[in-house]
Amino acid sequence: MFDIHICDFYHDLSRIFVQLHATFPREDTLWLDDICTEDETDEYGMHSKRYMSCFGTVLFLEKEGFIRYSTQDGFNGFNHCVLTLKGFQNLNKFTEDGQTTAITDIRKAIRSGSSDTIEQAVKPVLDIATTK
């Protein structure tokens, strides 16, 4: 049984990596609505747990040194967001078979829609041991 929040975490990571790799080295605004489904706030203006998890994923990537940004646009996005050298290098390293790069595998995994495939493609970027 999968932990849904971990599957969502890997989905968010994959989309963030693809978006920032496509704009590298240019700084860009990373909008959370582009990463996870558009969020509806409740009657108090609070975002959903899913949306806030996506927000947390961006903060995680920044704290772990994969991305940087200059400012937050509330809970909507991150301004002047860009991959760090660490993030760029990890996305462009060759996979075990030496035929593709991590970012190529991530793009292919997103197209497949399989949570398992996305997780297996993202783990090497984070330097997490993968199991098949």
C-alpha atoms as a PDB file:
ATOM      1  CA  MET A   1       0.000   0.000   0.000  1.00  0.00           C
ATOM      2  CA  PHE A   2       1.275   3.430  -0.956  1.00  0.00           C
ATOM      3  CA  ASP A   3       1.294   6.523   1.176  1.00  0.00           C
ATOM      4  CA  ILE A   4      -0.655   8.921  -1.033  1.00  0.00           C
ATOM      5  CA  HIS A   5       1.130  11.995   0.335  1.00  0.00           C
ATOM      6  CA  ILE A   6       4.501  10.497  -0.684  1.00  0.00           C
ATOM      7  CA  CYS A   7       3.199   9.751  -4.186  1.00  0.00           C
ATOM      8  CA  ASP A   8       1.991  13.370  -4.415  1.00  0.00           C
ATOM      9  CA  PHE A   9       5.414  14.533  -3.206  1.00  0.00           C
ATOM     10  CA  TYR A  10       7.174  12.692  -6.043  1.00  0.00           C
ATOM     11  CA  HIS A  11       4.633  13.975  -8.589  1.00  0.00           C
ATOM     12  CA  ASP A  12       5.243  17.548  -7.401  1.00  0.00           C
ATOM     13  CA  LEU A  13       9.011  17.066  -7.475  1.00  0.00           C
ATOM     14  CA  SER A  14       8.893  15.750 -11.022  1.00  0.00           C
ATOM     15  CA  ARG A  15       6.814  18.676 -12.297  1.00  0.00           C
ATOM     16  CA  ILE A  16       8.985  21.244 -10.507  1.00  0.00           C
ATOM     17  CA  PHE A  17      12.164  19.695 -11.904  1.00  0.00           C
ATOM     18  CA  VAL A  18      10.808  19.612 -15.464  1.00  0.00           C
ATOM     19  CA  GLN A  19       9.576  23.192 -15.325  1.00  0.00           C
ATOM     20  CA  LEU A  20      12.781  24.625 -13.860  1.00  0.00           C
ATOM     21  CA  HIS A  21      15.013  22.539 -16.137  1.00  0.00           C
ATOM     22  CA  ALA A  22      13.129  23.897 -19.158  1.00  0.00           C
ATOM     23  CA  THR A  23      13.856  27.489 -18.134  1.00  0.00           C
ATOM     24  CA  PHE A  24      17.411  26.988 -16.803  1.00  0.00           C
ATOM     25  CA  PRO A  25      19.464  29.179 -16.305  1.00  0.00           C
ATOM     26  CA  ARG A  26      16.777  31.850 -16.506  1.00  0.00           C
ATOM     27  CA  GLU A  27      14.992  32.697 -13.275  1.00  0.00           C
ATOM     28  CA  ASP A  28      11.244  32.247 -13.540  1.00  0.00           C
ATOM     29  CA  THR A  29       8.176  32.421 -11.347  1.00  0.00           C
ATOM     30  CA  LEU A  30       7.127  28.989 -10.130  1.00  0.00           C
ATOM     31  CA  TRP A  31       3.328  29.028  -9.720  1.00  0.00           C
ATOM     32  CA  LEU A  32       1.884  26.304  -7.522  1.00  0.00           C
ATOM     33  CA  ASP A  33      -1.235  26.095  -9.706  1.00  0.00           C
ATOM     34  CA  ASP A  34       1.073  24.863 -12.495  1.00  0.00           C
ATOM     35  CA  ILE A  35       2.429  22.099 -10.266  1.00  0.00           C
ATOM     36  CA  CYS A  36      -0.668  20.741  -8.531  1.00  0.00           C
ATOM     37  CA  THR A  37      -4.281  21.172  -9.461  1.00  0.00           C
ATOM     38  CA  GLU A  38      -5.770  24.583  -8.952  1.00  0.00           C
ATOM     39  CA  ASP A  39      -6.743  25.078  -5.361  1.00  0.00           C
ATOM     40  CA  GLU A  40      -9.956  26.358  -3.907  1.00  0.00           C
ATOM     41  CA  THR A  41      -9.653  28.044  -0.546  1.00  0.00           C
ATOM     42  CA  ASP A  42     -12.186  27.418   2.196  1.00  0.00           C
ATOM     43  CA  GLU A  43     -14.464  30.064   3.702  1.00  0.00           C
ATOM     44  CA  TYR A  44     -11.558  31.273   5.877  1.00  0.00           C
ATOM     45  CA  GLY A  45      -9.130  31.616   2.975  1.00  0.00           C
ATOM     46  CA  MET A  46      -7.137  28.513   3.921  1.00  0.00           C
ATOM     47  CA  HIS A  47      -5.672  26.310   1.194  1.00  0.00           C
ATOM     48  CA  SER A  48      -6.216  22.554   1.009  1.00  0.00           C
ATOM     49  CA  LYS A  49      -3.760  20.110   2.582  1.00  0.00           C
ATOM     50  CA  ARG A  50      -2.788  18.927  -0.911  1.00  0.00           C
ATOM     51  CA  TYR A  51      -1.972  22.458  -2.039  1.00  0.00           C
ATOM     52  CA  MET A  52       0.022  23.157   1.126  1.00  0.00           C
ATOM     53  CA  SER A  53       1.949  19.917   0.600  1.00  0.00           C
ATOM     54  CA  CYS A  54       2.950  21.197  -2.837  1.00  0.00           C
ATOM     55  CA  PHE A  55       4.040  24.455  -1.182  1.00  0.00           C
ATOM     56  CA  GLY A  56       6.074  22.409   1.299  1.00  0.00           C
ATOM     57  CA  THR A  57       7.746  20.506  -1.531  1.00  0.00           C
ATOM     58  CA  VAL A  58       9.140  23.757  -2.931  1.00  0.00           C
ATOM     59  CA  LEU A  59      10.407  24.746   0.515  1.00  0.00           C
ATOM     60  CA  PHE A  60      11.995  21.296   0.886  1.00  0.00           C
ATOM     61  CA  LEU A  61      13.833  21.653  -2.432  1.00  0.00           C
ATOM     62  CA  GLU A  62      15.150  25.057  -1.409  1.00  0.00           C
ATOM     63  CA  LYS A  63      16.320  23.881   2.012  1.00  0.00           C
ATOM     64  CA  GLU A  64      18.035  20.841   0.481  1.00  0.00           C
ATOM     65  CA  GLY A  65      19.875  23.037  -2.036  1.00  0.00           C
ATOM     66  CA  PHE A  66      18.188  21.949  -5.287  1.00  0.00           C
ATOM     67  CA  ILE A  67      16.553  25.297  -6.086  1.00  0.00           C
ATOM     68  CA  ARG A  68      16.647  28.903  -4.967  1.00  0.00           C
ATOM     69  CA  TYR A  69      14.193  31.767  -5.209  1.00  0.00           C
ATOM     70  CA  SER A  70      14.170  35.406  -4.167  1.00  0.00           C
ATOM     71  CA  THR A  71      10.681  35.931  -2.737  1.00  0.00           C
ATOM     72  CA  GLN A  72       7.378  34.197  -2.205  1.00  0.00           C
ATOM     73  CA  ASP A  73       4.168  35.464  -3.768  1.00  0.00           C
ATOM     74  CA  GLY A  74       2.061  34.575  -0.739  1.00  0.00           C
ATOM     75  CA  PHE A  75       1.078  30.925  -1.049  1.00  0.00           C
ATOM     76  CA  ASN A  76       0.717  31.232  -4.819  1.00  0.00           C
ATOM     77  CA  GLY A  77       4.252  31.051  -6.116  1.00  0.00           C
ATOM     78  CA  PHE A  78       7.959  31.673  -5.830  1.00  0.00           C
ATOM     79  CA  ASN A  79       9.620  34.537  -7.707  1.00  0.00           C
ATOM     80  CA  HIS A  80      12.975  34.321  -9.492  1.00  0.00           C
ATOM     81  CA  CYS A  81      13.104  30.552  -8.985  1.00  0.00           C
ATOM     82  CA  VAL A  82      15.973  28.620 -10.572  1.00  0.00           C
ATOM     83  CA  LEU A  83      17.790  25.320 -10.220  1.00  0.00           C
ATOM     84  CA  THR A  84      21.023  25.444  -8.257  1.00  0.00           C
ATOM     85  CA  LEU A  85      24.154  23.864  -9.661  1.00  0.00           C
ATOM     86  CA  LYS A  86      23.429  20.795  -7.514  1.00  0.00           C
ATOM     87  CA  GLY A  87      19.907  20.524  -8.938  1.00  0.00           C
ATOM     88  CA  PHE A  88      21.090  21.039 -12.502  1.00  0.00           C
ATOM     89  CA  GLN A  89      23.894  18.484 -12.207  1.00  0.00           C
ATOM     90  CA  ASN A  90      21.671  15.855 -10.606  1.00  0.00           C
ATOM     91  CA  LEU A  91      19.027  16.258 -13.320  1.00  0.00           C
ATOM     92  CA  ASN A  92      21.630  15.942 -16.084  1.00  0.00           C
ATOM     93  CA  LYS A  93      23.560  12.970 -14.750  1.00  0.00           C
ATOM     94  CA  PHE A  94      23.309   9.780 -16.739  1.00  0.00           C
ATOM     95  CA  THR A  95      21.170   6.954 -15.463  1.00  0.00           C
ATOM     96  CA  GLU A  96      22.584   3.535 -14.575  1.00  0.00           C
ATOM     97  CA  ASP A  97      22.237   2.287 -18.146  1.00  0.00           C
ATOM     98  CA  GLY A  98      24.234   5.277 -19.408  1.00  0.00           C
ATOM     99  CA  GLN A  99      21.707   5.883 -22.174  1.00  0.00           C
ATOM    100  CA  THR A 100      19.541   8.674 -20.772  1.00  0.00           C
ATOM    101  CA  THR A 101      19.693  11.452 -18.232  1.00  0.00           C
ATOM    102  CA  ALA A 102      17.587  11.743 -15.090  1.00  0.00           C
ATOM    103  CA  ILE A 103      15.523  14.600 -16.538  1.00  0.00           C
ATOM    104  CA  THR A 104      14.742  12.514 -19.629  1.00  0.00           C
ATOM    105  CA  ASP A 105      13.542   9.667 -17.413  1.00  0.00           C
ATOM    106  CA  ILE A 106      11.429  12.077 -15.353  1.00  0.00           C
ATOM    107  CA  ARG A 107       9.734  13.475 -18.464  1.00  0.00           C
ATOM    108  CA  LYS A 108       9.022   9.941 -19.699  1.00  0.00           C
ATOM    109  CA  ALA A 109       7.683   8.961 -16.253  1.00  0.00           C
ATOM    110  CA  ILE A 110       5.297  11.924 -16.174  1.00  0.00           C
ATOM    111  CA  ARG A 111       3.952  10.936 -19.592  1.00  0.00           C
ATOM    112  CA  SER A 112       3.395   7.392 -18.324  1.00  0.00           C
ATOM    113  CA  GLY A 113       1.287   8.648 -15.413  1.00  0.00           C
ATOM    114  CA  SER A 114       2.556   5.825 -13.206  1.00  0.00           C
ATOM    115  CA  SER A 115       3.323   6.819  -9.623  1.00  0.00           C
ATOM    116  CA  ASP A 116       5.877   4.001  -9.331  1.00  0.00           C
ATOM    117  CA  THR A 117       7.681   5.122 -12.480  1.00  0.00           C
ATOM    118  CA  ILE A 118       7.734   8.751 -11.346  1.00  0.00           C
ATOM    119  CA  GLU A 119       9.117   7.769  -7.945  1.00  0.00           C
ATOM    120  CA  GLN A 120      11.846   5.611  -9.517  1.00  0.00           C
ATOM    121  CA  ALA A 121      12.811   8.457 -11.882  1.00  0.00           C
ATOM    122  CA  VAL A 122      12.985  11.125  -9.161  1.00  0.00           C
ATOM    123  CA  LYS A 123      14.837   9.173  -6.464  1.00  0.00           C
ATOM    124  CA  PRO A 124      18.248   9.250  -8.202  1.00  0.00           C
ATOM    125  CA  VAL A 125      18.041  13.046  -8.451  1.00  0.00           C
ATOM    126  CA  LEU A 126      17.607  13.212  -4.683  1.00  0.00           C
ATOM    127  CA  ASP A 127      20.367  10.600  -4.239  1.00  0.00           C
ATOM    128  CA  ILE A 128      17.890   8.160  -2.674  1.00  0.00           C
ATOM    129  CA  ALA A 129      18.630   4.486  -3.290  1.00  0.00           C
ATOM    130  CA  THR A 130      16.117   2.982  -5.686  1.00  0.00           C
ATOM    131  CA  THR A 131      14.646  -0.496  -5.675  1.00  0.00           C
ATOM    132  CA  LYS A 132      13.060  -2.184  -8.651  1.00  0.00           C
END
